[in-house]
């Protein structure tokens, strides 16, 4: 499975979800986590910071002949390798967009690695711009996330429409495997209202809810995803369950 984790807005726990899903999926095979966000948050979630464009995804997008194995960080977690981003990804993307090469750039960069991994998790920036499309073009499955913020529910609908549009344009064959509620506050009513609103849209909602937890923030500061740092915590077990649910949904839609 090549999974792009997407949202049309920031601050919804997208990168935290991508990092923990990558760790959890490593229980099912070798995983490559790919940071397609110039803010390089996914790499930082594992304590990996690229020094410059030459040791990040930027170098691979600039030079299609470059060997991605020279940039991938090996074994940042059990069964998990990481391809980091760098702020230089922004100007590189702008240049590629002007040349008409941005949409397929990430797919091209990852092609030599296709046989090395069982799963690839791509973290995108919090918008639906060109870099997000490039990540979706390299994926066969898309996961969107939302919180108790009604704006994040609208974001799920926008991701779904964005994906359908680009499937129609044949930019990607990726399928929306679901939307997951993270930062779930079971005692609050807002999250239930947002879930109820989304249920009325017919979009595929996943059953797993990742509970709101201070330990998630602590693990982020410690640069170690909670599935690794506190594996028995409710949030960690929820991320593991979410990974299993996403994998099962991807297998169903590809059957």
C-alpha atoms as a PDB file:
ATOM      1  CA  UNK A   1       0.000   0.000   0.000  1.00  0.00           C
ATOM      2  CA  UNK A   2       1.164   3.506  -0.861  1.00  0.00           C
ATOM      3  CA  UNK A   3      -0.804   5.778   1.465  1.00  0.00           C
ATOM      4  CA  UNK A   4      -0.982   9.577   1.298  1.00  0.00           C
ATOM      5  CA  UNK A   5      -2.260  11.237   4.483  1.00  0.00           C
ATOM      6  CA  UNK A   6      -4.022  14.453   3.463  1.00  0.00           C
ATOM      7  CA  UNK A   7      -5.902  17.420   4.869  1.00  0.00           C
ATOM      8  CA  UNK A   8      -6.922  20.723   3.350  1.00  0.00           C
ATOM      9  CA  UNK A   9      -5.912  22.540   6.540  1.00  0.00           C
ATOM     10  CA  UNK A  10      -3.166  22.327   9.118  1.00  0.00           C
ATOM     11  CA  UNK A  11      -3.425  21.659  12.824  1.00  0.00           C
ATOM     12  CA  UNK A  12      -5.549  18.509  12.602  1.00  0.00           C
ATOM     13  CA  UNK A  13      -2.939  15.953  13.633  1.00  0.00           C
ATOM     14  CA  UNK A  14      -2.114  14.845  10.102  1.00  0.00           C
ATOM     15  CA  UNK A  15       1.640  14.469  10.548  1.00  0.00           C
ATOM     16  CA  UNK A  16       1.271  12.793  13.949  1.00  0.00           C
ATOM     17  CA  UNK A  17      -1.142  10.356  12.337  1.00  0.00           C
ATOM     18  CA  UNK A  18       1.218   9.693   9.415  1.00  0.00           C
ATOM     19  CA  UNK A  19       4.158   9.043  11.758  1.00  0.00           C
ATOM     20  CA  UNK A  20       2.262   6.656  13.997  1.00  0.00           C
ATOM     21  CA  UNK A  21       0.626   4.830  11.092  1.00  0.00           C
ATOM     22  CA  UNK A  22       4.054   4.315   9.546  1.00  0.00           C
ATOM     23  CA  UNK A  23       5.328   2.772  12.788  1.00  0.00           C
ATOM     24  CA  UNK A  24       2.243   0.599  13.152  1.00  0.00           C
ATOM     25  CA  UNK A  25       2.346  -0.576   9.524  1.00  0.00           C
ATOM     26  CA  UNK A  26       5.952  -1.694  10.059  1.00  0.00           C
ATOM     27  CA  UNK A  27       4.418  -4.608  11.948  1.00  0.00           C
ATOM     28  CA  UNK A  28       3.090  -5.795   8.591  1.00  0.00           C
ATOM     29  CA  UNK A  29       6.255  -5.348   6.520  1.00  0.00           C
ATOM     30  CA  UNK A  30       8.994  -2.927   5.602  1.00  0.00           C
ATOM     31  CA  UNK A  31       7.794   0.704   5.505  1.00  0.00           C
ATOM     32  CA  UNK A  32       9.111   3.883   3.918  1.00  0.00           C
ATOM     33  CA  UNK A  33       7.853   7.162   5.388  1.00  0.00           C
ATOM     34  CA  UNK A  34       8.110  10.070   2.928  1.00  0.00           C
ATOM     35  CA  UNK A  35       7.884  13.720   3.963  1.00  0.00           C
ATOM     36  CA  UNK A  36       6.345  15.790   1.157  1.00  0.00           C
ATOM     37  CA  UNK A  37       5.964  18.947   3.255  1.00  0.00           C
ATOM     38  CA  UNK A  38       8.568  21.747   3.174  1.00  0.00           C
ATOM     39  CA  UNK A  39       8.012  22.201   6.922  1.00  0.00           C
ATOM     40  CA  UNK A  40       9.710  18.772   7.316  1.00  0.00           C
ATOM     41  CA  UNK A  41       7.526  17.828  10.294  1.00  0.00           C
ATOM     42  CA  UNK A  42       7.444  14.103   9.567  1.00  0.00           C
ATOM     43  CA  UNK A  43      11.211  13.837   9.728  1.00  0.00           C
ATOM     44  CA  UNK A  44      11.262  15.836  12.956  1.00  0.00           C
ATOM     45  CA  UNK A  45       8.731  13.410  14.444  1.00  0.00           C
ATOM     46  CA  UNK A  46      11.561  10.837  14.293  1.00  0.00           C
ATOM     47  CA  UNK A  47      14.350  13.252  15.177  1.00  0.00           C
ATOM     48  CA  UNK A  48      15.583  13.460  11.576  1.00  0.00           C
ATOM     49  CA  UNK A  49      16.476  16.868  10.136  1.00  0.00           C
ATOM     50  CA  UNK A  50      17.933  17.198   6.632  1.00  0.00           C
ATOM     51  CA  UNK A  51      20.944  19.508   6.455  1.00  0.00           C
ATOM     52  CA  UNK A  52      19.995  20.803   3.024  1.00  0.00           C
ATOM     53  CA  UNK A  53      18.377  19.983  -0.269  1.00  0.00           C
ATOM     54  CA  UNK A  54      21.131  17.519  -1.181  1.00  0.00           C
ATOM     55  CA  UNK A  55      20.152  15.052   1.547  1.00  0.00           C
ATOM     56  CA  UNK A  56      16.390  15.419   1.237  1.00  0.00           C
ATOM     57  CA  UNK A  57      13.502  14.779  -1.140  1.00  0.00           C
ATOM     58  CA  UNK A  58      14.390  18.055  -2.880  1.00  0.00           C
ATOM     59  CA  UNK A  59      17.504  16.511  -4.427  1.00  0.00           C
ATOM     60  CA  UNK A  60      15.512  13.627  -5.884  1.00  0.00           C
ATOM     61  CA  UNK A  61      12.900  15.914  -7.416  1.00  0.00           C
ATOM     62  CA  UNK A  62      15.556  18.178  -8.924  1.00  0.00           C
ATOM     63  CA  UNK A  63      17.508  15.290 -10.444  1.00  0.00           C
ATOM     64  CA  UNK A  64      15.376  12.383 -11.715  1.00  0.00           C
ATOM     65  CA  UNK A  65      18.557  10.341 -12.187  1.00  0.00           C
ATOM     66  CA  UNK A  66      19.562  10.601  -8.513  1.00  0.00           C
ATOM     67  CA  UNK A  67      19.569   7.395  -6.467  1.00  0.00           C
ATOM     68  CA  UNK A  68      16.966   7.744  -3.684  1.00  0.00           C
ATOM     69  CA  UNK A  69      18.801   5.185  -1.543  1.00  0.00           C
ATOM     70  CA  UNK A  70      21.526   7.764  -0.918  1.00  0.00           C
ATOM     71  CA  UNK A  71      18.980  10.067   0.736  1.00  0.00           C
ATOM     72  CA  UNK A  72      16.783   7.601   2.657  1.00  0.00           C
ATOM     73  CA  UNK A  73      17.527   7.349   6.392  1.00  0.00           C
ATOM     74  CA  UNK A  74      17.679   3.699   7.363  1.00  0.00           C
ATOM     75  CA  UNK A  75      15.955   2.180  10.386  1.00  0.00           C
ATOM     76  CA  UNK A  76      14.700   5.315  12.119  1.00  0.00           C
ATOM     77  CA  UNK A  77      12.319   2.885  13.860  1.00  0.00           C
ATOM     78  CA  UNK A  78      11.946  -0.907  13.713  1.00  0.00           C
ATOM     79  CA  UNK A  79      11.150  -1.843  10.118  1.00  0.00           C
ATOM     80  CA  UNK A  80      10.901   1.804   9.100  1.00  0.00           C
ATOM     81  CA  UNK A  81      13.024   3.985   6.807  1.00  0.00           C
ATOM     82  CA  UNK A  82      12.492   7.708   6.218  1.00  0.00           C
ATOM     83  CA  UNK A  83      12.890  10.041   3.252  1.00  0.00           C
ATOM     84  CA  UNK A  84      13.025  13.532   4.805  1.00  0.00           C
ATOM     85  CA  UNK A  85      11.978  16.888   3.425  1.00  0.00           C
ATOM     86  CA  UNK A  86      13.700  20.263   3.674  1.00  0.00           C
ATOM     87  CA  UNK A  87      12.430  23.867   3.274  1.00  0.00           C
ATOM     88  CA  UNK A  88      14.143  23.927  -0.131  1.00  0.00           C
ATOM     89  CA  UNK A  89      11.286  21.719  -1.323  1.00  0.00           C
ATOM     90  CA  UNK A  90       9.188  24.879  -1.769  1.00  0.00           C
ATOM     91  CA  UNK A  91      11.327  26.543  -4.472  1.00  0.00           C
ATOM     92  CA  UNK A  92      12.065  23.185  -6.074  1.00  0.00           C
ATOM     93  CA  UNK A  93       8.319  22.557  -6.381  1.00  0.00           C
ATOM     94  CA  UNK A  94       7.769  26.018  -7.852  1.00  0.00           C
ATOM     95  CA  UNK A  95      10.428  25.381 -10.469  1.00  0.00           C
ATOM     96  CA  UNK A  96       9.021  21.955 -11.349  1.00  0.00           C
ATOM     97  CA  UNK A  97       5.503  23.368 -11.605  1.00  0.00           C
ATOM     98  CA  UNK A  98       6.728  25.966 -14.127  1.00  0.00           C
ATOM     99  CA  UNK A  99       8.286  23.156 -16.160  1.00  0.00           C
ATOM    100  CA  UNK A 100       5.178  20.956 -15.966  1.00  0.00           C
ATOM    101  CA  UNK A 101       6.964  18.253 -13.980  1.00  0.00           C
ATOM    102  CA  UNK A 102       5.631  18.631 -10.442  1.00  0.00           C
ATOM    103  CA  UNK A 103       2.591  16.348 -10.558  1.00  0.00           C
ATOM    104  CA  UNK A 104       4.549  13.181 -11.329  1.00  0.00           C
ATOM    105  CA  UNK A 105       7.763  14.190  -9.554  1.00  0.00           C
ATOM    106  CA  UNK A 106       7.322  12.230  -6.320  1.00  0.00           C
ATOM    107  CA  UNK A 107       6.154   9.140  -8.186  1.00  0.00           C
ATOM    108  CA  UNK A 108       9.238   9.289 -10.397  1.00  0.00           C
ATOM    109  CA  UNK A 109      11.543   9.768  -7.407  1.00  0.00           C
ATOM    110  CA  UNK A 110      10.136   6.764  -5.573  1.00  0.00           C
ATOM    111  CA  UNK A 111      10.005   4.396  -8.551  1.00  0.00           C
ATOM    112  CA  UNK A 112      13.464   2.835  -7.900  1.00  0.00           C
ATOM    113  CA  UNK A 113      12.348   1.965  -4.359  1.00  0.00           C
ATOM    114  CA  UNK A 114       9.098   0.261  -5.271  1.00  0.00           C
ATOM    115  CA  UNK A 115      10.408  -3.260  -4.703  1.00  0.00           C
ATOM    116  CA  UNK A 116      12.151  -2.394  -1.420  1.00  0.00           C
ATOM    117  CA  UNK A 117       9.078  -1.737   0.724  1.00  0.00           C
ATOM    118  CA  UNK A 118       5.758  -3.351   1.523  1.00  0.00           C
ATOM    119  CA  UNK A 119       4.159  -0.019   2.416  1.00  0.00           C
ATOM    120  CA  UNK A 120       4.864   3.662   1.798  1.00  0.00           C
ATOM    121  CA  UNK A 121       3.323   6.445   3.905  1.00  0.00           C
ATOM    122  CA  UNK A 122       3.452   9.956   2.433  1.00  0.00           C
ATOM    123  CA  UNK A 123       2.838  12.945   4.674  1.00  0.00           C
ATOM    124  CA  UNK A 124       1.537  15.971   2.777  1.00  0.00           C
ATOM    125  CA  UNK A 125       1.365  19.655   3.550  1.00  0.00           C
ATOM    126  CA  UNK A 126      -1.863  21.063   4.987  1.00  0.00           C
ATOM    127  CA  UNK A 127      -3.355  22.207   1.700  1.00  0.00           C
ATOM    128  CA  UNK A 128      -4.461  20.865  -1.660  1.00  0.00           C
ATOM    129  CA  UNK A 129      -1.724  22.431  -3.759  1.00  0.00           C
ATOM    130  CA  UNK A 130       0.802  21.041  -6.187  1.00  0.00           C
ATOM    131  CA  UNK A 131       2.979  19.177  -3.690  1.00  0.00           C
ATOM    132  CA  UNK A 132      -0.068  17.448  -2.216  1.00  0.00           C
ATOM    133  CA  UNK A 133      -1.128  16.409  -5.711  1.00  0.00           C
ATOM    134  CA  UNK A 134       2.384  15.073  -6.348  1.00  0.00           C
ATOM    135  CA  UNK A 135       2.118  12.919  -3.212  1.00  0.00           C
ATOM    136  CA  UNK A 136      -1.358  11.681  -4.178  1.00  0.00           C
ATOM    137  CA  UNK A 137      -0.075  10.889  -7.674  1.00  0.00           C
ATOM    138  CA  UNK A 138       2.513   8.592  -6.038  1.00  0.00           C
ATOM    139  CA  UNK A 139      -0.131   6.864  -3.881  1.00  0.00           C
ATOM    140  CA  UNK A 140      -2.779   4.232  -4.423  1.00  0.00           C
ATOM    141  CA  UNK A 141      -4.714   5.087  -1.241  1.00  0.00           C
ATOM    142  CA  UNK A 142      -5.561   8.323   0.576  1.00  0.00           C
ATOM    143  CA  UNK A 143      -6.490   8.880   4.220  1.00  0.00           C
ATOM    144  CA  UNK A 144      -7.940  12.147   5.471  1.00  0.00           C
ATOM    145  CA  UNK A 145      -8.139  13.139   9.137  1.00  0.00           C
ATOM    146  CA  UNK A 146     -10.452  15.424  11.075  1.00  0.00           C
ATOM    147  CA  UNK A 147     -11.048  16.653  14.634  1.00  0.00           C
ATOM    148  CA  UNK A 148     -13.928  18.228  16.540  1.00  0.00           C
ATOM    149  CA  UNK A 149     -13.406  21.410  14.497  1.00  0.00           C
ATOM    150  CA  UNK A 150     -16.244  21.744  11.936  1.00  0.00           C
ATOM    151  CA  UNK A 151     -13.700  23.244   9.548  1.00  0.00           C
ATOM    152  CA  UNK A 152     -11.789  19.981   9.502  1.00  0.00           C
ATOM    153  CA  UNK A 153     -14.965  18.156   8.454  1.00  0.00           C
ATOM    154  CA  UNK A 154     -15.242  20.510   5.508  1.00  0.00           C
ATOM    155  CA  UNK A 155     -11.599  19.687   4.862  1.00  0.00           C
ATOM    156  CA  UNK A 156     -12.451  15.990   4.470  1.00  0.00           C
ATOM    157  CA  UNK A 157     -15.076  16.839   1.852  1.00  0.00           C
ATOM    158  CA  UNK A 158     -12.550  19.008   0.028  1.00  0.00           C
ATOM    159  CA  UNK A 159      -9.989  16.201   0.026  1.00  0.00           C
ATOM    160  CA  UNK A 160     -12.598  13.823  -1.402  1.00  0.00           C
ATOM    161  CA  UNK A 161     -13.539  16.292  -4.149  1.00  0.00           C
ATOM    162  CA  UNK A 162      -9.871  17.001  -4.900  1.00  0.00           C
ATOM    163  CA  UNK A 163      -9.169  13.300  -5.262  1.00  0.00           C
ATOM    164  CA  UNK A 164     -12.157  12.665  -7.505  1.00  0.00           C
ATOM    165  CA  UNK A 165     -11.197  15.595  -9.703  1.00  0.00           C
ATOM    166  CA  UNK A 166      -7.693  14.314 -10.252  1.00  0.00           C
ATOM    167  CA  UNK A 167      -8.854  10.751 -10.751  1.00  0.00           C
ATOM    168  CA  UNK A 168     -11.040  12.128 -13.541  1.00  0.00           C
ATOM    169  CA  UNK A 169      -8.011  13.926 -14.980  1.00  0.00           C
ATOM    170  CA  UNK A 170      -6.068  10.625 -14.681  1.00  0.00           C
ATOM    171  CA  UNK A 171      -3.417  12.294 -12.555  1.00  0.00           C
ATOM    172  CA  UNK A 172      -3.855   9.513 -10.010  1.00  0.00           C
ATOM    173  CA  UNK A 173      -5.649   6.225  -9.470  1.00  0.00           C
ATOM    174  CA  UNK A 174      -5.605   6.593  -5.685  1.00  0.00           C
ATOM    175  CA  UNK A 175      -8.797   5.909  -3.755  1.00  0.00           C
ATOM    176  CA  UNK A 176     -10.028   7.570  -0.565  1.00  0.00           C
ATOM    177  CA  UNK A 177      -9.951   4.651   1.883  1.00  0.00           C
ATOM    178  CA  UNK A 178     -11.439   6.673   4.698  1.00  0.00           C
ATOM    179  CA  UNK A 179     -11.492   9.639   7.038  1.00  0.00           C
ATOM    180  CA  UNK A 180     -10.382   9.195  10.634  1.00  0.00           C
ATOM    181  CA  UNK A 181     -11.213  11.241  13.703  1.00  0.00           C
ATOM    182  CA  UNK A 182      -8.126  12.102  15.753  1.00  0.00           C
ATOM    183  CA  UNK A 183      -7.859  14.222  18.929  1.00  0.00           C
ATOM    184  CA  UNK A 184     -11.164  12.586  19.881  1.00  0.00           C
ATOM    185  CA  UNK A 185     -12.722  13.934  23.079  1.00  0.00           C
ATOM    186  CA  UNK A 186     -15.351  11.392  24.042  1.00  0.00           C
ATOM    187  CA  UNK A 187     -16.728  13.707  26.747  1.00  0.00           C
ATOM    188  CA  UNK A 188     -17.310  16.610  24.370  1.00  0.00           C
ATOM    189  CA  UNK A 189     -20.230  16.980  22.024  1.00  0.00           C
ATOM    190  CA  UNK A 190     -18.429  18.784  19.196  1.00  0.00           C
ATOM    191  CA  UNK A 191     -16.664  15.711  17.851  1.00  0.00           C
ATOM    192  CA  UNK A 192     -19.899  13.725  17.830  1.00  0.00           C
ATOM    193  CA  UNK A 193     -21.596  16.528  15.900  1.00  0.00           C
ATOM    194  CA  UNK A 194     -18.795  16.611  13.345  1.00  0.00           C
ATOM    195  CA  UNK A 195     -18.949  12.826  12.934  1.00  0.00           C
ATOM    196  CA  UNK A 196     -22.715  13.032  12.531  1.00  0.00           C
ATOM    197  CA  UNK A 197     -22.379  15.685   9.845  1.00  0.00           C
ATOM    198  CA  UNK A 198     -19.838  13.605   7.937  1.00  0.00           C
ATOM    199  CA  UNK A 199     -21.977  10.477   8.206  1.00  0.00           C
ATOM    200  CA  UNK A 200     -24.625  12.309   6.228  1.00  0.00           C
ATOM    201  CA  UNK A 201     -22.247  12.891   3.318  1.00  0.00           C
ATOM    202  CA  UNK A 202     -21.708   9.238   2.454  1.00  0.00           C
ATOM    203  CA  UNK A 203     -17.931   9.611   2.710  1.00  0.00           C
ATOM    204  CA  UNK A 204     -16.114   6.551   4.078  1.00  0.00           C
ATOM    205  CA  UNK A 205     -15.625   7.150   7.817  1.00  0.00           C
ATOM    206  CA  UNK A 206     -13.352   4.813   9.714  1.00  0.00           C
ATOM    207  CA  UNK A 207     -14.531   3.395  13.010  1.00  0.00           C
ATOM    208  CA  UNK A 208     -11.309   3.935  14.957  1.00  0.00           C
ATOM    209  CA  UNK A 209     -11.172   7.134  17.005  1.00  0.00           C
ATOM    210  CA  UNK A 210      -7.790   8.314  18.271  1.00  0.00           C
ATOM    211  CA  UNK A 211      -8.393   9.850  21.707  1.00  0.00           C
ATOM    212  CA  UNK A 212      -7.128  13.243  22.775  1.00  0.00           C
ATOM    213  CA  UNK A 213      -4.024  12.645  24.873  1.00  0.00           C
ATOM    214  CA  UNK A 214      -1.294  14.782  26.407  1.00  0.00           C
ATOM    215  CA  UNK A 215       1.057  11.878  25.820  1.00  0.00           C
ATOM    216  CA  UNK A 216       0.831  12.515  22.081  1.00  0.00           C
ATOM    217  CA  UNK A 217       2.197  16.020  22.629  1.00  0.00           C
ATOM    218  CA  UNK A 218       4.901  14.658  24.923  1.00  0.00           C
ATOM    219  CA  UNK A 219       5.936  12.059  22.367  1.00  0.00           C
ATOM    220  CA  UNK A 220       6.115  14.724  19.670  1.00  0.00           C
ATOM    221  CA  UNK A 221       8.445  16.821  21.797  1.00  0.00           C
ATOM    222  CA  UNK A 222      10.526  13.705  22.469  1.00  0.00           C
ATOM    223  CA  UNK A 223      10.722  13.048  18.701  1.00  0.00           C
ATOM    224  CA  UNK A 224       9.411   9.539  19.139  1.00  0.00           C
ATOM    225  CA  UNK A 225       5.872   8.650  17.951  1.00  0.00           C
ATOM    226  CA  UNK A 226       3.594   7.472  20.741  1.00  0.00           C
ATOM    227  CA  UNK A 227       3.264   3.983  19.229  1.00  0.00           C
ATOM    228  CA  UNK A 228       6.953   3.635  20.111  1.00  0.00           C
ATOM    229  CA  UNK A 229       7.215   5.742  23.267  1.00  0.00           C
ATOM    230  CA  UNK A 230       4.073   4.596  25.095  1.00  0.00           C
ATOM    231  CA  UNK A 231       2.768   1.559  23.194  1.00  0.00           C
ATOM    232  CA  UNK A 232       0.215   0.539  25.825  1.00  0.00           C
ATOM    233  CA  UNK A 233      -1.458   3.960  25.988  1.00  0.00           C
ATOM    234  CA  UNK A 234      -5.003   4.376  24.612  1.00  0.00           C
ATOM    235  CA  UNK A 235      -3.786   6.718  21.862  1.00  0.00           C
ATOM    236  CA  UNK A 236      -1.052   4.287  20.766  1.00  0.00           C
ATOM    237  CA  UNK A 237      -3.401   1.317  20.655  1.00  0.00           C
ATOM    238  CA  UNK A 238      -5.872   3.425  18.679  1.00  0.00           C
ATOM    239  CA  UNK A 239      -3.217   4.286  16.089  1.00  0.00           C
ATOM    240  CA  UNK A 240      -2.361   0.595  15.745  1.00  0.00           C
ATOM    241  CA  UNK A 241      -6.044  -0.210  15.284  1.00  0.00           C
ATOM    242  CA  UNK A 242      -6.339   2.612  12.749  1.00  0.00           C
ATOM    243  CA  UNK A 243      -3.409   1.231  10.761  1.00  0.00           C
ATOM    244  CA  UNK A 244      -5.069  -2.180  10.641  1.00  0.00           C
ATOM    245  CA  UNK A 245      -8.365  -0.605   9.568  1.00  0.00           C
ATOM    246  CA  UNK A 246      -6.721   1.470   6.842  1.00  0.00           C
ATOM    247  CA  UNK A 247      -4.852  -1.565   5.535  1.00  0.00           C
ATOM    248  CA  UNK A 248      -8.026  -3.647   5.444  1.00  0.00           C
ATOM    249  CA  UNK A 249      -9.934  -0.832   3.666  1.00  0.00           C
ATOM    250  CA  UNK A 250      -7.158  -0.460   1.079  1.00  0.00           C
ATOM    251  CA  UNK A 251      -7.207  -4.165   0.389  1.00  0.00           C
ATOM    252  CA  UNK A 252     -10.993  -4.092  -0.091  1.00  0.00           C
ATOM    253  CA  UNK A 253     -10.991  -1.237  -2.569  1.00  0.00           C
ATOM    254  CA  UNK A 254      -8.140  -2.747  -4.580  1.00  0.00           C
ATOM    255  CA  UNK A 255      -9.745  -6.199  -4.766  1.00  0.00           C
END
